[in-house]
């Protein structure tokens, strides 16, 4: 029987595991602290555990981190790790230092099945969900590496954002225990306000998260109307904007913050006109939702066929929102020189969804809609 990786367990799960070994719950708490607060992976180091328990753990359990394929540090202090998750797949995590906080951007899937036009990870396709231990291992490695690297004994990472590779709410079963580890005072002790799940809009799972483990919520909106969002965020065809906003309003009944953050990637000539900003104002006013907007400069990649909005246009867009009384920020780009900025996380993922082919087809149709409609020649897929 394979050994259990203890990074897979939240505290309740670890307590159940210890009970199966004939141990009481307080032993699980001790073990949990050793693993997450002290970064220990060798049971022999855990000196306040009974010798009999350490012997049982040596034969039944392990603390198995992810192998680091590469580590890159940006000129601005951002650090990106590429982790091996087996079978030719890799995921990335990014640490972003600020004066008042340290934020870790964590991945939830190897690749992403949502296929947003402006995201290089989505363009690469989806391989598989990560397990709870693989999500937690990114934080485990980053926190304890940074303490040694920065020569600090106290906690370095104060914020976690589930904004790395993947759609977190499409990996719900692994996500929630991972969030509970992050929040647990016997592990990382993060505030619910400082753990953020970012979603492209999986409406039923937004409702479940509000009931099961409410943390801060960020929604990748990127368009004020369904016709445009259908093209940019294909999930919108299943859960259109009105349904998404409704779920966000319900989430606020449970959320640790009194607003939802709407992420909005600024795409040159696509969604960045003053009219789009006015439509966002109308959307928010119509639905009466408490929110803030985070405008994100697009990080171009060749296959997208998209460009970054010029800074003056982003400023003008922000001004329309701000003058309407909506809290609006423009995200600073970080880690550009190591491809660690928003939308650039791609890793080394096997594309089992033919995403590159589908994205190229969508781009061709967008560029030549009349010719595509008139051309009677069937595609290879239609054959």
Protein backbone atom coordinates (compact mmCIF):
# COMPACT_ATOMS: atom_id res chain seq x y z
CA UNK A 1 0.00 0.00 0.00
CA UNK A 2 1.45 3.42 -0.93
CA UNK A 3 2.25 5.82 1.85
CA UNK A 4 -0.16 8.69 2.50
CA UNK A 5 1.21 12.14 1.62
CA UNK A 6 0.29 14.23 4.65
CA UNK A 7 0.21 17.40 2.52
CA UNK A 8 -3.09 16.02 1.16
CA UNK A 9 -4.87 16.49 4.51
CA UNK A 10 -6.49 19.45 6.22
CA UNK A 11 -6.50 19.16 10.03
CA UNK A 12 -9.70 17.12 10.16
CA UNK A 13 -8.36 14.76 7.52
CA UNK A 14 -5.07 14.40 9.38
CA UNK A 15 -6.94 13.72 12.64
CA UNK A 16 -8.91 10.95 10.92
CA UNK A 17 -5.66 9.49 9.60
CA UNK A 18 -4.12 9.55 13.08
CA UNK A 19 -7.21 7.89 14.54
CA UNK A 20 -6.73 5.03 12.09
CA UNK A 21 -3.24 4.67 13.58
CA UNK A 22 -4.75 4.52 17.08
CA UNK A 23 -3.71 8.10 17.98
CA UNK A 24 -5.69 10.96 19.51
CA UNK A 25 -6.53 14.23 17.77
CA UNK A 26 -3.96 16.33 19.63
CA UNK A 27 -1.23 14.26 17.94
CA UNK A 28 -2.61 15.36 14.57
CA UNK A 29 -2.39 18.98 15.68
CA UNK A 30 1.24 18.52 16.71
CA UNK A 31 2.03 16.83 13.41
CA UNK A 32 0.19 19.53 11.46
CA UNK A 33 2.29 22.24 13.13
CA UNK A 34 5.53 20.42 12.40
CA UNK A 35 4.68 20.08 8.73
CA UNK A 36 3.25 23.50 7.97
CA UNK A 37 4.62 25.89 10.58
CA UNK A 38 8.13 24.44 10.73
CA UNK A 39 8.37 22.94 7.25
CA UNK A 40 9.48 19.54 8.53
CA UNK A 41 9.29 16.49 6.30
CA UNK A 42 11.38 14.07 8.38
CA UNK A 43 9.35 12.43 11.14
CA UNK A 44 12.57 11.85 13.09
CA UNK A 45 12.82 15.63 13.61
CA UNK A 46 9.41 15.79 15.29
CA UNK A 47 10.78 15.33 18.77
CA UNK A 48 7.59 16.00 20.77
CA UNK A 49 5.80 13.12 19.03
CA UNK A 50 5.88 9.77 20.77
CA UNK A 51 8.52 7.43 19.37
CA UNK A 52 5.82 4.83 18.66
CA UNK A 53 3.92 7.36 16.52
CA UNK A 54 7.05 8.36 14.64
CA UNK A 55 7.67 4.69 13.87
CA UNK A 56 4.10 4.25 12.63
CA UNK A 57 4.40 7.36 10.43
CA UNK A 58 7.67 6.15 8.95
CA UNK A 59 5.93 3.08 7.55
CA UNK A 60 2.53 4.58 6.59
CA UNK A 61 3.08 8.24 5.67
CA UNK A 62 5.35 10.77 4.01
CA UNK A 63 5.57 14.51 3.43
CA UNK A 64 6.27 14.72 -0.28
CA UNK A 65 6.88 18.15 -1.80
CA UNK A 66 6.78 18.91 -5.50
CA UNK A 67 10.05 18.73 -7.39
CA UNK A 68 11.26 22.14 -8.53
CA UNK A 69 12.13 22.14 -12.22
CA UNK A 70 13.25 25.77 -12.26
CA UNK A 71 13.28 28.94 -10.22
CA UNK A 72 13.58 32.43 -11.69
CA UNK A 73 13.88 35.73 -9.84
CA UNK A 74 12.80 38.95 -11.50
CA UNK A 75 14.62 42.26 -11.20
CA UNK A 76 11.61 43.50 -9.18
CA UNK A 77 11.94 40.67 -6.62
CA UNK A 78 9.19 38.47 -8.04
CA UNK A 79 10.09 34.77 -7.90
CA UNK A 80 8.57 32.11 -10.16
CA UNK A 81 8.82 28.37 -9.55
CA UNK A 82 8.07 25.67 -12.10
CA UNK A 83 6.98 22.48 -10.31
CA UNK A 84 6.96 18.97 -11.75
CA UNK A 85 3.59 17.25 -11.23
CA UNK A 86 4.45 14.13 -13.21
CA UNK A 87 3.56 12.63 -16.57
CA UNK A 88 5.19 15.51 -18.42
CA UNK A 89 3.06 18.13 -16.67
CA UNK A 90 4.28 21.18 -14.80
CA UNK A 91 2.64 24.03 -12.91
CA UNK A 92 3.85 27.43 -11.79
CA UNK A 93 3.61 29.51 -8.63
CA UNK A 94 4.71 33.12 -8.25
CA UNK A 95 5.74 35.11 -5.18
CA UNK A 96 5.13 38.87 -5.41
CA UNK A 97 6.76 40.97 -2.68
CA UNK A 98 5.25 44.30 -1.66
CA UNK A 99 6.14 46.74 1.10
CA UNK A 100 3.16 45.71 3.23
CA UNK A 101 2.58 42.09 2.17
CA UNK A 102 3.93 39.04 0.40
CA UNK A 103 1.55 37.43 -2.07
CA UNK A 104 1.80 33.92 -3.50
CA UNK A 105 -0.07 33.14 -6.71
CA UNK A 106 -0.96 29.42 -6.69
CA UNK A 107 -2.05 27.04 -9.45
CA UNK A 108 -5.00 24.65 -9.14
CA UNK A 109 -4.77 22.70 -12.41
CA UNK A 110 -2.16 21.63 -14.92
CA UNK A 111 -3.40 23.86 -17.72
CA UNK A 112 -6.94 25.19 -17.98
CA UNK A 113 -10.05 24.05 -19.85
CA UNK A 114 -11.83 27.43 -19.90
CA UNK A 115 -9.88 28.73 -22.90
CA UNK A 116 -10.05 32.51 -22.41
CA UNK A 117 -8.65 34.22 -25.50
CA UNK A 118 -6.20 36.44 -23.62
CA UNK A 119 -4.66 33.73 -21.39
CA UNK A 120 -1.59 31.80 -22.50
CA UNK A 121 -2.38 28.99 -20.04
CA UNK A 122 -5.85 28.57 -21.53
CA UNK A 123 -4.37 28.57 -25.02
CA UNK A 124 -2.18 25.66 -24.01
CA UNK A 125 -5.08 23.47 -22.95
CA UNK A 126 -5.99 21.29 -19.97
CA UNK A 127 -4.19 18.23 -18.69
CA UNK A 128 -5.55 17.44 -15.20
CA UNK A 129 -6.66 18.71 -11.82
CA UNK A 130 -4.09 19.03 -9.06
CA UNK A 131 -4.61 17.16 -5.79
CA UNK A 132 -4.95 19.00 -2.48
CA UNK A 133 -1.36 18.11 -1.61
CA UNK A 134 -0.10 19.52 -4.91
CA UNK A 135 -1.89 22.82 -4.27
CA UNK A 136 -0.67 23.03 -0.66
CA UNK A 137 2.86 21.98 -1.67
CA UNK A 138 3.30 25.20 -3.65
CA UNK A 139 2.68 27.25 -0.50
CA UNK A 140 4.70 24.83 1.68
CA UNK A 141 7.74 25.12 -0.57
CA UNK A 142 7.49 28.87 -1.15
CA UNK A 143 6.99 29.80 2.51
CA UNK A 144 9.86 27.76 3.88
CA UNK A 145 12.20 28.57 0.99
CA UNK A 146 11.56 32.28 1.48
CA UNK A 147 12.16 32.15 5.24
CA UNK A 148 15.59 30.64 4.59
CA UNK A 149 16.28 32.85 1.57
CA UNK A 150 15.34 36.06 3.38
CA UNK A 151 16.72 34.86 6.74
CA UNK A 152 13.41 35.43 8.50
CA UNK A 153 11.79 33.31 11.17
CA UNK A 154 8.35 34.86 10.97
CA UNK A 155 5.81 34.23 8.22
CA UNK A 156 6.73 35.68 4.82
CA UNK A 157 3.59 34.96 2.79
CA UNK A 158 0.64 36.99 4.05
CA UNK A 159 -1.68 36.61 1.04
CA UNK A 160 -2.54 33.74 -1.27
CA UNK A 161 -4.37 34.22 -4.55
CA UNK A 162 -5.69 31.23 -6.47
CA UNK A 163 -4.91 32.98 -9.74
CA UNK A 164 -2.23 30.69 -11.15
CA UNK A 165 -2.82 28.04 -13.76
CA UNK A 166 -6.33 26.63 -13.92
CA UNK A 167 -9.91 27.42 -12.91
CA UNK A 168 -10.03 26.73 -9.14
CA UNK A 169 -13.76 26.13 -8.98
CA UNK A 170 -13.50 23.35 -11.56
CA UNK A 171 -11.27 21.53 -9.05
CA UNK A 172 -13.50 22.13 -6.06
CA UNK A 173 -12.96 18.87 -4.16
CA UNK A 174 -9.20 19.50 -3.93
CA UNK A 175 -9.48 23.27 -3.53
CA UNK A 176 -11.54 23.47 -0.34
CA UNK A 177 -9.27 21.30 1.87
CA UNK A 178 -6.29 23.27 0.54
CA UNK A 179 -7.98 26.54 1.53
CA UNK A 180 -8.66 25.13 4.99
CA UNK A 181 -4.95 24.35 5.43
CA UNK A 182 -4.07 27.92 4.43
CA UNK A 183 -6.56 29.36 6.94
CA UNK A 184 -5.81 27.04 9.86
CA UNK A 185 -4.01 28.71 12.77
CA UNK A 186 -2.02 25.50 13.27
CA UNK A 187 -0.69 25.80 9.71
CA UNK A 188 -0.34 29.13 7.87
CA UNK A 189 -2.95 31.11 9.78
CA UNK A 190 -3.98 33.31 6.85
CA UNK A 191 -6.98 35.60 7.16
CA UNK A 192 -10.03 34.80 5.03
CA UNK A 193 -9.73 38.35 3.71
CA UNK A 194 -6.21 37.57 2.50
CA UNK A 195 -6.98 34.34 0.64
CA UNK A 196 -8.60 34.99 -2.74
CA UNK A 197 -10.16 32.55 -5.16
CA UNK A 198 -10.33 33.85 -8.72
CA UNK A 199 -12.94 32.36 -11.03
CA UNK A 200 -14.04 32.85 -14.60
CA UNK A 201 -17.61 32.36 -13.40
CA UNK A 202 -18.56 28.79 -12.42
CA UNK A 203 -21.87 29.87 -10.92
CA UNK A 204 -22.92 26.74 -8.95
CA UNK A 205 -19.49 26.46 -7.35
CA UNK A 206 -19.54 30.12 -6.29
CA UNK A 207 -22.64 29.28 -4.27
CA UNK A 208 -20.98 26.18 -2.78
CA UNK A 209 -17.83 28.08 -1.85
CA UNK A 210 -19.92 30.65 -0.01
CA UNK A 211 -21.46 27.87 2.07
CA UNK A 212 -18.35 25.72 2.58
CA UNK A 213 -15.32 28.00 2.87
CA UNK A 214 -15.95 31.68 2.15
CA UNK A 215 -12.80 33.60 1.28
CA UNK A 216 -12.28 36.71 -0.82
CA UNK A 217 -13.67 36.32 -4.34
CA UNK A 218 -12.32 37.74 -7.59
CA UNK A 219 -14.27 37.27 -10.82
CA UNK A 220 -12.67 37.45 -14.26
CA UNK A 221 -15.26 39.65 -15.95
CA UNK A 222 -13.38 41.25 -18.89
CA UNK A 223 -16.51 42.42 -20.73
CA UNK A 224 -19.71 44.32 -19.85
CA UNK A 225 -22.08 42.50 -22.23
CA UNK A 226 -22.70 38.84 -23.06
CA UNK A 227 -21.91 39.04 -26.78
CA UNK A 228 -18.36 40.24 -26.09
CA UNK A 229 -17.78 38.05 -23.03
CA UNK A 230 -18.94 34.97 -24.96
CA UNK A 231 -15.94 35.47 -27.22
CA UNK A 232 -13.39 36.35 -24.54
CA UNK A 233 -14.52 33.93 -21.81
CA UNK A 234 -16.30 30.91 -23.39
CA UNK A 235 -17.73 29.84 -20.02
CA UNK A 236 -20.07 32.83 -20.34
CA UNK A 237 -22.14 30.88 -22.85
CA UNK A 238 -23.11 28.52 -20.01
CA UNK A 239 -23.28 31.08 -17.20
CA UNK A 240 -24.08 34.52 -18.70
CA UNK A 241 -23.35 37.78 -16.94
CA UNK A 242 -26.74 38.19 -15.22
CA UNK A 243 -26.43 34.72 -13.63
CA UNK A 244 -22.84 35.42 -12.64
CA UNK A 245 -23.68 38.74 -10.99
CA UNK A 246 -26.55 37.06 -9.15
CA UNK A 247 -24.15 34.46 -7.74
CA UNK A 248 -21.74 37.22 -6.70
CA UNK A 249 -24.49 39.03 -4.80
CA UNK A 250 -25.41 35.83 -2.98
CA UNK A 251 -21.75 35.25 -2.14
CA UNK A 252 -21.56 38.62 -0.39
CA UNK A 253 -23.88 37.24 2.31
CA UNK A 254 -20.99 34.97 3.40
CA UNK A 255 -17.85 36.74 2.17
CA UNK A 256 -15.19 38.12 4.53
CA UNK A 257 -15.10 41.31 2.47
CA UNK A 258 -18.09 43.49 1.63
CA UNK A 259 -17.28 43.63 -2.07
CA UNK A 260 -16.44 41.41 -5.03
CA UNK A 261 -13.37 42.19 -7.11
CA UNK A 262 -13.98 42.21 -10.85
CA UNK A 263 -10.83 41.55 -12.88
CA UNK A 264 -10.81 43.25 -16.27
CA UNK A 265 -7.99 42.58 -18.76
CA UNK A 266 -7.51 45.62 -21.02
CA UNK A 267 -7.37 44.55 -24.69
CA UNK A 268 -6.55 47.08 -27.37
CA UNK A 269 -9.63 47.89 -29.45
CA UNK A 270 -11.61 44.99 -28.01
CA UNK A 271 -13.02 45.91 -24.58
CA UNK A 272 -11.27 49.17 -23.70
CA UNK A 273 -13.47 51.90 -25.15
CA UNK A 274 -15.29 54.54 -23.06
CA UNK A 275 -18.57 52.93 -24.08
CA UNK A 276 -17.46 49.67 -22.48
CA UNK A 277 -16.67 51.53 -19.26
CA UNK A 278 -20.11 53.17 -19.29
CA UNK A 279 -21.69 49.75 -19.85
CA UNK A 280 -19.86 48.43 -16.78
CA UNK A 281 -21.21 51.32 -14.72
CA UNK A 282 -24.72 50.54 -15.92
CA UNK A 283 -24.24 46.83 -15.19
CA UNK A 284 -23.19 47.48 -11.61
CA UNK A 285 -25.94 50.03 -11.00
CA UNK A 286 -28.64 47.81 -12.49
CA UNK A 287 -27.72 44.85 -10.30
CA UNK A 288 -26.79 46.92 -7.24
CA UNK A 289 -23.67 44.94 -6.41
CA UNK A 290 -20.87 46.14 -4.14
CA UNK A 291 -17.63 45.72 -6.08
CA UNK A 292 -14.25 47.09 -7.08
CA UNK A 293 -12.59 46.89 -10.49
CA UNK A 294 -9.01 45.78 -11.05
CA UNK A 295 -7.88 46.76 -14.55
CA UNK A 296 -5.13 44.44 -15.76
CA UNK A 297 -2.66 45.36 -18.51
CA UNK A 298 -2.66 42.53 -21.03
CA UNK A 299 0.55 40.55 -21.39
CA UNK A 300 0.69 39.72 -25.11
CA UNK A 301 1.66 36.35 -26.51
CA UNK A 302 1.81 35.68 -30.26
CA UNK A 303 -0.96 33.10 -30.53
CA UNK A 304 -3.59 35.38 -29.00
CA UNK A 305 -3.76 37.91 -31.81
CA UNK A 306 -4.39 40.57 -29.14
CA UNK A 307 -2.52 43.65 -28.00
CA UNK A 308 -2.22 45.60 -24.74
CA UNK A 309 -4.34 48.73 -24.43
CA UNK A 310 -2.24 51.93 -24.44
CA UNK A 311 -1.73 53.42 -20.99
CA UNK A 312 -3.67 56.65 -21.75
CA UNK A 313 -6.69 54.59 -22.79
CA UNK A 314 -6.49 52.50 -19.61
CA UNK A 315 -6.32 55.72 -17.58
CA UNK A 316 -9.35 57.14 -19.41
CA UNK A 317 -11.27 53.90 -18.85
CA UNK A 318 -10.43 53.96 -15.15
CA UNK A 319 -11.51 57.57 -14.93
CA UNK A 320 -15.01 56.76 -16.23
CA UNK A 321 -15.41 54.08 -13.56
CA UNK A 322 -13.95 56.22 -10.76
CA UNK A 323 -16.09 59.23 -11.62
CA UNK A 324 -19.13 56.98 -11.37
CA UNK A 325 -18.12 56.16 -7.80
CA UNK A 326 -16.64 52.70 -8.44
CA UNK A 327 -13.38 51.85 -6.67
CA UNK A 328 -10.92 51.17 -9.49
CA UNK A 329 -7.26 50.18 -9.52
CA UNK A 330 -4.83 49.47 -12.33
CA UNK A 331 -2.69 46.44 -11.58
CA UNK A 332 1.05 46.97 -11.72
CA UNK A 333 2.76 44.47 -13.98
CA UNK A 334 5.24 42.34 -12.08
CA UNK A 335 7.65 39.66 -13.24
CA UNK A 336 7.44 40.48 -16.95
CA UNK A 337 11.10 39.57 -17.45
CA UNK A 338 10.51 36.01 -16.22
CA UNK A 339 7.04 35.51 -17.80
CA UNK A 340 5.43 35.57 -14.36
CA UNK A 341 2.88 38.30 -15.02
CA UNK A 342 -0.88 37.78 -15.15
CA UNK A 343 -1.92 35.44 -17.97
CA UNK A 344 1.61 34.30 -18.73
CA UNK A 345 1.75 31.15 -16.61
CA UNK A 346 1.97 28.23 -18.99
CA UNK A 347 4.44 25.67 -17.67
CA UNK A 348 4.86 22.50 -19.69
CA UNK A 349 1.40 21.04 -20.11
CA UNK A 350 0.25 18.32 -22.44
CA UNK A 351 -2.65 19.69 -24.45
CA UNK A 352 -5.32 17.00 -24.33
CA UNK A 353 -8.10 19.39 -25.36
CA UNK A 354 -6.62 20.57 -28.70
CA UNK A 355 -6.88 24.08 -27.28
CA UNK A 356 -4.24 25.53 -29.57
CA UNK A 357 -6.18 24.32 -32.62
CA UNK A 358 -9.50 25.62 -31.31
CA UNK A 359 -8.06 29.00 -30.33
CA UNK A 360 -6.45 29.42 -33.75
CA UNK A 361 -9.79 28.62 -35.39
CA UNK A 362 -11.60 31.19 -33.24
CA UNK A 363 -8.97 33.78 -34.09
CA UNK A 364 -9.33 33.09 -37.83
CA UNK A 365 -13.11 33.41 -37.65
CA UNK A 366 -12.78 36.70 -35.75
CA UNK A 367 -10.40 38.07 -38.40
CA UNK A 368 -12.35 36.82 -41.45
CA UNK A 369 -16.00 36.32 -40.44
CA UNK A 370 -17.53 36.87 -43.90
CA UNK A 371 -15.14 34.58 -45.74
CA UNK A 372 -15.56 31.85 -43.12
CA UNK A 373 -19.34 31.99 -43.36
CA UNK A 374 -19.37 31.89 -47.15
CA UNK A 375 -16.80 29.13 -47.56
CA UNK A 376 -18.71 25.87 -48.14
CA UNK A 377 -15.62 23.67 -47.76
CA UNK A 378 -16.01 21.41 -44.70
CA UNK A 379 -13.32 21.52 -42.07
CA UNK A 380 -11.28 18.50 -41.08
CA UNK A 381 -13.35 18.29 -37.89
CA UNK A 382 -16.59 18.14 -39.92
CA UNK A 383 -15.18 15.23 -41.92
